[in-house]
């Protein structure tokens, strides 16, 4: 599978999580229905014609995200590091 850099910009207001990322084509994607409670987060995003549900865990300056794999094959997980 091809690899590419991913950047997320998150904003937290209480338990509400909003933000953006960019798709494989470089176009911006708005995060929707975002919630963060303690170290758990979830949001959805429209990508390539599909509504993708993403879940994750926050620990220190690291976020681990999981989402369904392409074509429904398993789960894709990846780690985000906070830019200092």
PDB file of N, CA and C in Angstrom:
ATOM      1  N   UNK A   1       0.846  -1.179   0.000  1.00  0.00           N
ATOM      2  CA  UNK A   1       0.000   0.000   0.000  1.00  0.00           C
ATOM      3  C   UNK A   1       0.888   1.237   0.000  1.00  0.00           C
ATOM      4  N   UNK A   2       0.457   2.263  -0.731  1.00  0.00           N
ATOM      5  CA  UNK A   2       1.202   3.515  -0.760  1.00  0.00           C
ATOM      6  C   UNK A   2       1.166   4.193   0.598  1.00  0.00           C
ATOM      7  N   UNK A   3       2.228   4.915   0.914  1.00  0.00           N
ATOM      8  CA  UNK A   3       2.292   5.673   2.151  1.00  0.00           C
ATOM      9  C   UNK A   3       2.301   7.149   1.817  1.00  0.00           C
ATOM     10  N   UNK A   4       1.721   7.944   2.702  1.00  0.00           N
ATOM     11  CA  UNK A   4       1.712   9.390   2.521  1.00  0.00           C
ATOM     12  C   UNK A   4       1.612  10.048   3.887  1.00  0.00           C
ATOM     13  N   UNK A   5       2.118  11.281   3.966  1.00  0.00           N
ATOM     14  CA  UNK A   5       2.046  12.031   5.218  1.00  0.00           C
ATOM     15  C   UNK A   5       0.608  12.460   5.472  1.00  0.00           C
ATOM     16  N   UNK A   6       0.220  12.430   6.735  1.00  0.00           N
ATOM     17  CA  UNK A   6      -1.117  12.838   7.148  1.00  0.00           C
ATOM     18  C   UNK A   6      -0.971  13.890   8.234  1.00  0.00           C
ATOM     19  N   UNK A   7      -1.724  14.971   8.098  1.00  0.00           N
ATOM     20  CA  UNK A   7      -1.736  16.014   9.119  1.00  0.00           C
ATOM     21  C   UNK A   7      -3.171  16.214   9.581  1.00  0.00           C
ATOM     22  N   UNK A   8      -3.369  16.220  10.881  1.00  0.00           N
ATOM     23  CA  UNK A   8      -4.657  16.553  11.471  1.00  0.00           C
ATOM     24  C   UNK A   8      -4.487  17.832  12.254  1.00  0.00           C
ATOM     25  N   UNK A   9      -5.498  18.689  12.189  1.00  0.00           N
ATOM     26  CA  UNK A   9      -5.566  19.889  13.015  1.00  0.00           C
ATOM     27  C   UNK A   9      -6.805  19.741  13.887  1.00  0.00           C
ATOM     28  N   UNK A  10      -6.594  19.518  15.185  1.00  0.00           N
ATOM     29  CA  UNK A  10      -7.687  19.300  16.118  1.00  0.00           C
ATOM     30  C   UNK A  10      -7.941  20.551  16.941  1.00  0.00           C
ATOM     31  N   UNK A  11      -9.228  20.752  17.304  1.00  0.00           N
ATOM     32  CA  UNK A  11      -9.614  21.788  18.254  1.00  0.00           C
ATOM     33  C   UNK A  11     -10.570  21.135  19.250  1.00  0.00           C
ATOM     34  N   UNK A  12     -10.286  21.332  20.536  1.00  0.00           N
ATOM     35  CA  UNK A  12     -11.103  20.745  21.594  1.00  0.00           C
ATOM     36  C   UNK A  12     -11.776  21.864  22.372  1.00  0.00           C
ATOM     37  N   UNK A  13     -13.095  21.730  22.566  1.00  0.00           N
ATOM     38  CA  UNK A  13     -13.871  22.663  23.373  1.00  0.00           C
ATOM     39  C   UNK A  13     -14.737  21.818  24.295  1.00  0.00           C
ATOM     40  N   UNK A  14     -14.270  21.622  25.535  1.00  0.00           N
ATOM     41  CA  UNK A  14     -14.956  20.707  26.452  1.00  0.00           C
ATOM     42  C   UNK A  14     -14.815  19.288  25.921  1.00  0.00           C
ATOM     43  N   UNK A  15     -15.951  18.644  25.610  1.00  0.00           N
ATOM     44  CA  UNK A  15     -15.927  17.293  25.037  1.00  0.00           C
ATOM     45  C   UNK A  15     -16.148  17.310  23.527  1.00  0.00           C
ATOM     46  N   UNK A  16     -16.258  18.512  22.945  1.00  0.00           N
ATOM     47  CA  UNK A  16     -16.468  18.632  21.498  1.00  0.00           C
ATOM     48  C   UNK A  16     -15.123  18.672  20.780  1.00  0.00           C
ATOM     49  N   UNK A  17     -14.974  17.813  19.775  1.00  0.00           N
ATOM     50  CA  UNK A  17     -13.751  17.732  18.979  1.00  0.00           C
ATOM     51  C   UNK A  17     -14.081  18.134  17.547  1.00  0.00           C
ATOM     52  N   UNK A  18     -13.375  19.136  17.033  1.00  0.00           N
ATOM     53  CA  UNK A  18     -13.530  19.553  15.647  1.00  0.00           C
ATOM     54  C   UNK A  18     -12.148  19.596  15.013  1.00  0.00           C
ATOM     55  N   UNK A  19     -12.116  19.803  13.711  1.00  0.00           N
ATOM     56  CA  UNK A  19     -10.826  19.930  13.053  1.00  0.00           C
ATOM     57  C   UNK A  19     -10.879  19.543  11.592  1.00  0.00           C
ATOM     58  N   UNK A  20      -9.688  19.403  11.022  1.00  0.00           N
ATOM     59  CA  UNK A  20      -9.553  19.057   9.616  1.00  0.00           C
ATOM     60  C   UNK A  20      -8.373  18.113   9.422  1.00  0.00           C
ATOM     61  N   UNK A  21      -8.385  17.472   8.280  1.00  0.00           N
ATOM     62  CA  UNK A  21      -7.251  16.695   7.804  1.00  0.00           C
ATOM     63  C   UNK A  21      -7.257  16.830   6.289  1.00  0.00           C
ATOM     64  N   UNK A  22      -6.385  16.127   5.618  1.00  0.00           N
ATOM     65  CA  UNK A  22      -6.427  16.139   4.153  1.00  0.00           C
ATOM     66  C   UNK A  22      -6.414  14.699   3.649  1.00  0.00           C
ATOM     67  N   UNK A  23      -7.111  14.482   2.547  1.00  0.00           N
ATOM     68  CA  UNK A  23      -7.205  13.154   1.967  1.00  0.00           C
ATOM     69  C   UNK A  23      -5.981  12.824   1.142  1.00  0.00           C
ATOM     70  N   UNK A  24      -5.942  11.608   0.608  1.00  0.00           N
ATOM     71  CA  UNK A  24      -4.810  11.181  -0.220  1.00  0.00           C
ATOM     72  C   UNK A  24      -4.599  12.077  -1.434  1.00  0.00           C
ATOM     73  N   UNK A  25      -5.685  12.756  -1.871  1.00  0.00           N
ATOM     74  CA  UNK A  25      -5.581  13.657  -3.012  1.00  0.00           C
ATOM     75  C   UNK A  25      -5.164  15.067  -2.610  1.00  0.00           C
ATOM     76  N   UNK A  26      -4.993  15.303  -1.292  1.00  0.00           N
ATOM     77  CA  UNK A  26      -4.567  16.614  -0.797  1.00  0.00           C
ATOM     78  C   UNK A  26      -5.701  17.567  -0.491  1.00  0.00           C
ATOM     79  N   UNK A  27      -6.941  17.198  -0.819  1.00  0.00           N
ATOM     80  CA  UNK A  27      -8.077  18.071  -0.533  1.00  0.00           C
ATOM     81  C   UNK A  27      -8.429  18.037   0.950  1.00  0.00           C
ATOM     82  N   UNK A  28      -8.859  19.196   1.506  1.00  0.00           N
ATOM     83  CA  UNK A  28      -9.204  19.242   2.934  1.00  0.00           C
ATOM     84  C   UNK A  28     -10.454  18.426   3.251  1.00  0.00           C
ATOM     85  N   UNK A  29     -10.455  17.821   4.437  1.00  0.00           N
ATOM     86  CA  UNK A  29     -11.587  17.042   4.936  1.00  0.00           C
ATOM     87  C   UNK A  29     -11.922  17.564   6.329  1.00  0.00           C
ATOM     88  N   UNK A  30     -13.194  17.895   6.551  1.00  0.00           N
ATOM     89  CA  UNK A  30     -13.655  18.389   7.848  1.00  0.00           C
ATOM     90  C   UNK A  30     -14.068  17.220   8.726  1.00  0.00           C
ATOM     91  N   UNK A  31     -13.596  17.226   9.965  1.00  0.00           N
ATOM     92  CA  UNK A  31     -13.995  16.199  10.930  1.00  0.00           C
ATOM     93  C   UNK A  31     -15.399  16.519  11.421  1.00  0.00           C
ATOM     94  N   UNK A  32     -16.247  15.500  11.552  1.00  0.00           N
ATOM     95  CA  UNK A  32     -17.637  15.685  11.947  1.00  0.00           C
ATOM     96  C   UNK A  32     -17.966  14.822  13.155  1.00  0.00           C
ATOM     97  N   UNK A  33     -18.950  15.264  13.932  1.00  0.00           N
ATOM     98  CA  UNK A  33     -19.466  14.489  15.071  1.00  0.00           C
ATOM     99  C   UNK A  33     -18.359  14.098  16.045  1.00  0.00           C
ATOM    100  N   UNK A  34     -17.386  14.966  16.239  1.00  0.00           N
ATOM    101  CA  UNK A  34     -16.252  14.651  17.093  1.00  0.00           C
ATOM    102  C   UNK A  34     -16.544  14.770  18.575  1.00  0.00           C
ATOM    103  N   UNK A  35     -16.064  13.784  19.324  1.00  0.00           N
ATOM    104  CA  UNK A  35     -16.230  13.749  20.775  1.00  0.00           C
ATOM    105  C   UNK A  35     -14.915  13.293  21.391  1.00  0.00           C
ATOM    106  N   UNK A  36     -14.531  13.942  22.489  1.00  0.00           N
ATOM    107  CA  UNK A  36     -13.375  13.488  23.258  1.00  0.00           C
ATOM    108  C   UNK A  36     -13.787  13.432  24.723  1.00  0.00           C
ATOM    109  N   UNK A  37     -13.566  12.275  25.335  1.00  0.00           N
ATOM    110  CA  UNK A  37     -13.887  12.056  26.747  1.00  0.00           C
ATOM    111  C   UNK A  37     -12.701  11.379  27.383  1.00  0.00           C
ATOM    112  N   UNK A  38     -12.044  12.083  28.289  1.00  0.00           N
ATOM    113  CA  UNK A  38     -10.833  11.537  28.889  1.00  0.00           C
ATOM    114  C   UNK A  38      -9.803  11.309  27.803  1.00  0.00           C
ATOM    115  N   UNK A  39      -9.301  10.093  27.689  1.00  0.00           N
ATOM    116  CA  UNK A  39      -8.312   9.771  26.671  1.00  0.00           C
ATOM    117  C   UNK A  39      -8.892   9.135  25.421  1.00  0.00           C
ATOM    118  N   UNK A  40     -10.232   9.053  25.325  1.00  0.00           N
ATOM    119  CA  UNK A  40     -10.877   8.430  24.166  1.00  0.00           C
ATOM    120  C   UNK A  40     -11.466   9.498  23.250  1.00  0.00           C
ATOM    121  N   UNK A  41     -11.339   9.285  21.950  1.00  0.00           N
ATOM    122  CA  UNK A  41     -11.931  10.218  21.000  1.00  0.00           C
ATOM    123  C   UNK A  41     -12.574   9.461  19.856  1.00  0.00           C
ATOM    124  N   UNK A  42     -13.505  10.129  19.196  1.00  0.00           N
ATOM    125  CA  UNK A  42     -14.127   9.571  17.997  1.00  0.00           C
ATOM    126  C   UNK A  42     -14.601  10.719  17.122  1.00  0.00           C
ATOM    127  N   UNK A  43     -14.634  10.471  15.825  1.00  0.00           N
ATOM    128  CA  UNK A  43     -15.163  11.431  14.866  1.00  0.00           C
ATOM    129  C   UNK A  43     -15.454  10.681  13.570  1.00  0.00           C
ATOM    130  N   UNK A  44     -16.140  11.345  12.678  1.00  0.00           N
ATOM    131  CA  UNK A  44     -16.365  10.778  11.353  1.00  0.00           C
ATOM    132  C   UNK A  44     -15.881  11.782  10.320  1.00  0.00           C
ATOM    133  N   UNK A  45     -15.647  11.278   9.119  1.00  0.00           N
ATOM    134  CA  UNK A  45     -15.218  12.148   8.029  1.00  0.00           C
ATOM    135  C   UNK A  45     -15.657  11.528   6.717  1.00  0.00           C
ATOM    136  N   UNK A  46     -15.985  12.386   5.760  1.00  0.00           N
ATOM    137  CA  UNK A  46     -16.360  11.931   4.431  1.00  0.00           C
ATOM    138  C   UNK A  46     -15.090  11.863   3.592  1.00  0.00           C
ATOM    139  N   UNK A  47     -14.776  10.661   3.105  1.00  0.00           N
ATOM    140  CA  UNK A  47     -13.552  10.495   2.318  1.00  0.00           C
ATOM    141  C   UNK A  47     -13.839   9.565   1.143  1.00  0.00           C
ATOM    142  N   UNK A  48     -13.545  10.048  -0.044  1.00  0.00           N
ATOM    143  CA  UNK A  48     -13.723   9.286  -1.277  1.00  0.00           C
ATOM    144  C   UNK A  48     -15.129   8.676  -1.368  1.00  0.00           C
ATOM    145  N   UNK A  49     -16.141   9.487  -1.022  1.00  0.00           N
ATOM    146  CA  UNK A  49     -17.528   9.061  -1.138  1.00  0.00           C
ATOM    147  C   UNK A  49     -18.048   8.185  -0.020  1.00  0.00           C
ATOM    148  N   UNK A  50     -17.254   7.989   1.021  1.00  0.00           N
ATOM    149  CA  UNK A  50     -17.669   7.146   2.153  1.00  0.00           C
ATOM    150  C   UNK A  50     -17.627   7.945   3.448  1.00  0.00           C
ATOM    151  N   UNK A  51     -18.541   7.628   4.372  1.00  0.00           N
ATOM    152  CA  UNK A  51     -18.518   8.206   5.714  1.00  0.00           C
ATOM    153  C   UNK A  51     -17.695   7.264   6.589  1.00  0.00           C
ATOM    154  N   UNK A  52     -16.533   7.719   7.025  1.00  0.00           N
ATOM    155  CA  UNK A  52     -15.584   6.892   7.767  1.00  0.00           C
ATOM    156  C   UNK A  52     -15.663   7.233   9.254  1.00  0.00           C
ATOM    157  N   UNK A  53     -15.888   6.228  10.105  1.00  0.00           N
ATOM    158  CA  UNK A  53     -15.886   6.414  11.562  1.00  0.00           C
ATOM    159  C   UNK A  53     -14.491   6.111  12.085  1.00  0.00           C
ATOM    160  N   UNK A  54     -13.943   7.055  12.834  1.00  0.00           N
ATOM    161  CA  UNK A  54     -12.592   6.933  13.371  1.00  0.00           C
ATOM    162  C   UNK A  54     -12.673   6.950  14.892  1.00  0.00           C
ATOM    163  N   UNK A  55     -11.934   6.061  15.544  1.00  0.00           N
ATOM    164  CA  UNK A  55     -11.832   6.060  17.001  1.00  0.00           C
ATOM    165  C   UNK A  55     -10.357   6.187  17.365  1.00  0.00           C
ATOM    166  N   UNK A  56     -10.105   6.633  18.589  1.00  0.00           N
ATOM    167  CA  UNK A  56      -8.713   6.779  18.972  1.00  0.00           C
ATOM    168  C   UNK A  56      -8.512   6.939  20.461  1.00  0.00           C
ATOM    169  N   UNK A  57      -7.238   6.934  20.818  1.00  0.00           N
ATOM    170  CA  UNK A  57      -6.800   7.104  22.206  1.00  0.00           C
ATOM    171  C   UNK A  57      -5.714   8.178  22.233  1.00  0.00           C
ATOM    172  N   UNK A  58      -5.798   9.047  23.239  1.00  0.00           N
ATOM    173  CA  UNK A  58      -4.808  10.097  23.439  1.00  0.00           C
ATOM    174  C   UNK A  58      -3.979   9.747  24.657  1.00  0.00           C
ATOM    175  N   UNK A  59      -2.661   9.825  24.506  1.00  0.00           N
ATOM    176  CA  UNK A  59      -1.765   9.639  25.640  1.00  0.00           C
ATOM    177  C   UNK A  59      -0.578  10.575  25.450  1.00  0.00           C
ATOM    178  N   UNK A  60      -0.424  11.500  26.377  1.00  0.00           N
ATOM    179  CA  UNK A  60       0.634  12.505  26.312  1.00  0.00           C
ATOM    180  C   UNK A  60       0.547  13.240  24.968  1.00  0.00           C
ATOM    181  N   UNK A  61       1.600  13.240  24.173  1.00  0.00           N
ATOM    182  CA  UNK A  61       1.623  13.939  22.879  1.00  0.00           C
ATOM    183  C   UNK A  61       1.391  12.996  21.708  1.00  0.00           C
ATOM    184  N   UNK A  62       0.742  11.844  21.965  1.00  0.00           N
ATOM    185  CA  UNK A  62       0.515  10.842  20.930  1.00  0.00           C
ATOM    186  C   UNK A  62      -0.964  10.493  20.842  1.00  0.00           C
ATOM    187  N   UNK A  63      -1.459  10.362  19.616  1.00  0.00           N
ATOM    188  CA  UNK A  63      -2.827   9.911  19.374  1.00  0.00           C
ATOM    189  C   UNK A  63      -2.744   8.681  18.478  1.00  0.00           C
ATOM    190  N   UNK A  64      -3.370   7.591  18.908  1.00  0.00           N
ATOM    191  CA  UNK A  64      -3.467   6.391  18.088  1.00  0.00           C
ATOM    192  C   UNK A  64      -4.879   6.338  17.523  1.00  0.00           C
ATOM    193  N   UNK A  65      -5.005   6.310  16.190  1.00  0.00           N
ATOM    194  CA  UNK A  65      -6.303   6.291  15.525  1.00  0.00           C
ATOM    195  C   UNK A  65      -6.523   4.954  14.829  1.00  0.00           C
ATOM    196  N   UNK A  66      -7.782   4.537  14.770  1.00  0.00           N
ATOM    197  CA  UNK A  66      -8.170   3.324  14.051  1.00  0.00           C
ATOM    198  C   UNK A  66      -9.392   3.632  13.200  1.00  0.00           C
ATOM    199  N   UNK A  67      -9.413   3.056  11.990  1.00  0.00           N
ATOM    200  CA  UNK A  67     -10.548   3.212  11.087  1.00  0.00           C
ATOM    201  C   UNK A  67     -10.644   1.960  10.224  1.00  0.00           C
ATOM    202  N   UNK A  68     -11.813   1.751   9.612  1.00  0.00           N
ATOM    203  CA  UNK A  68     -11.946   0.580   8.746  1.00  0.00           C
ATOM    204  C   UNK A  68     -10.934   0.636   7.601  1.00  0.00           C
ATOM    205  N   UNK A  69     -10.413  -0.524   7.225  1.00  0.00           N
ATOM    206  CA  UNK A  69      -9.481  -0.599   6.109  1.00  0.00           C
ATOM    207  C   UNK A  69     -10.181  -0.350   4.786  1.00  0.00           C
ATOM    208  N   UNK A  70      -9.411  -0.065   3.767  1.00  0.00           N
ATOM    209  CA  UNK A  70      -9.960   0.161   2.441  1.00  0.00           C
ATOM    210  C   UNK A  70     -10.718  -1.083   1.975  1.00  0.00           C
ATOM    211  N   UNK A  71     -11.826  -0.881   1.313  1.00  0.00           N
ATOM    212  CA  UNK A  71     -12.681  -1.967   0.823  1.00  0.00           C
ATOM    213  C   UNK A  71     -13.193  -2.849   1.953  1.00  0.00           C
ATOM    214  N   UNK A  72     -13.243  -2.305   3.195  1.00  0.00           N
ATOM    215  CA  UNK A  72     -13.745  -3.061   4.330  1.00  0.00           C
ATOM    216  C   UNK A  72     -12.813  -4.136   4.841  1.00  0.00           C
ATOM    217  N   UNK A  73     -11.555  -4.106   4.406  1.00  0.00           N
ATOM    218  CA  UNK A  73     -10.580  -5.128   4.804  1.00  0.00           C
ATOM    219  C   UNK A  73      -9.934  -4.765   6.145  1.00  0.00           C
ATOM    220  N   UNK A  74     -10.401  -5.364   7.229  1.00  0.00           N
ATOM    221  CA  UNK A  74      -9.770  -5.197   8.532  1.00  0.00           C
ATOM    222  C   UNK A  74      -9.822  -3.779   9.055  1.00  0.00           C
ATOM    223  N   UNK A  75      -8.811  -3.428   9.844  1.00  0.00           N
ATOM    224  CA  UNK A  75      -8.721  -2.118  10.484  1.00  0.00           C
ATOM    225  C   UNK A  75      -7.360  -1.515  10.183  1.00  0.00           C
ATOM    226  N   UNK A  76      -7.367  -0.226   9.847  1.00  0.00           N
ATOM    227  CA  UNK A  76      -6.102   0.516   9.685  1.00  0.00           C
ATOM    228  C   UNK A  76      -5.874   1.312  10.957  1.00  0.00           C
ATOM    229  N   UNK A  77      -4.691   1.209  11.509  1.00  0.00           N
ATOM    230  CA  UNK A  77      -4.328   1.990  12.697  1.00  0.00           C
ATOM    231  C   UNK A  77      -3.073   2.772  12.399  1.00  0.00           C
ATOM    232  N   UNK A  78      -2.990   3.963  12.970  1.00  0.00           N
ATOM    233  CA  UNK A  78      -1.781   4.748  12.819  1.00  0.00           C
ATOM    234  C   UNK A  78      -1.611   5.675  13.995  1.00  0.00           C
ATOM    235  N   UNK A  79      -0.397   6.160  14.175  1.00  0.00           N
ATOM    236  CA  UNK A  79      -0.026   6.973  15.323  1.00  0.00           C
ATOM    237  C   UNK A  79       0.296   8.385  14.857  1.00  0.00           C
ATOM    238  N   UNK A  80      -0.286   9.352  15.549  1.00  0.00           N
ATOM    239  CA  UNK A  80      -0.005  10.768  15.289  1.00  0.00           C
ATOM    240  C   UNK A  80       0.837  11.320  16.429  1.00  0.00           C
ATOM    241  N   UNK A  81       1.801  12.142  16.100  1.00  0.00           N
ATOM    242  CA  UNK A  81       2.636  12.790  17.105  1.00  0.00           C
ATOM    243  C   UNK A  81       2.400  14.293  17.028  1.00  0.00           C
ATOM    244  N   UNK A  82       2.279  14.927  18.166  1.00  0.00           N
ATOM    245  CA  UNK A  82       2.073  16.373  18.222  1.00  0.00           C
ATOM    246  C   UNK A  82       3.318  17.085  17.724  1.00  0.00           C
ATOM    247  N   UNK A  83       3.116  18.053  16.843  1.00  0.00           N
ATOM    248  CA  UNK A  83       4.228  18.858  16.345  1.00  0.00           C
ATOM    249  C   UNK A  83       4.605  19.847  17.435  1.00  0.00           C
ATOM    250  N   UNK A  84       5.874  19.882  17.782  1.00  0.00           N
ATOM    251  CA  UNK A  84       6.333  20.762  18.865  1.00  0.00           C
ATOM    252  C   UNK A  84       6.633  22.155  18.351  1.00  0.00           C
TER     253      UNK A  84
END
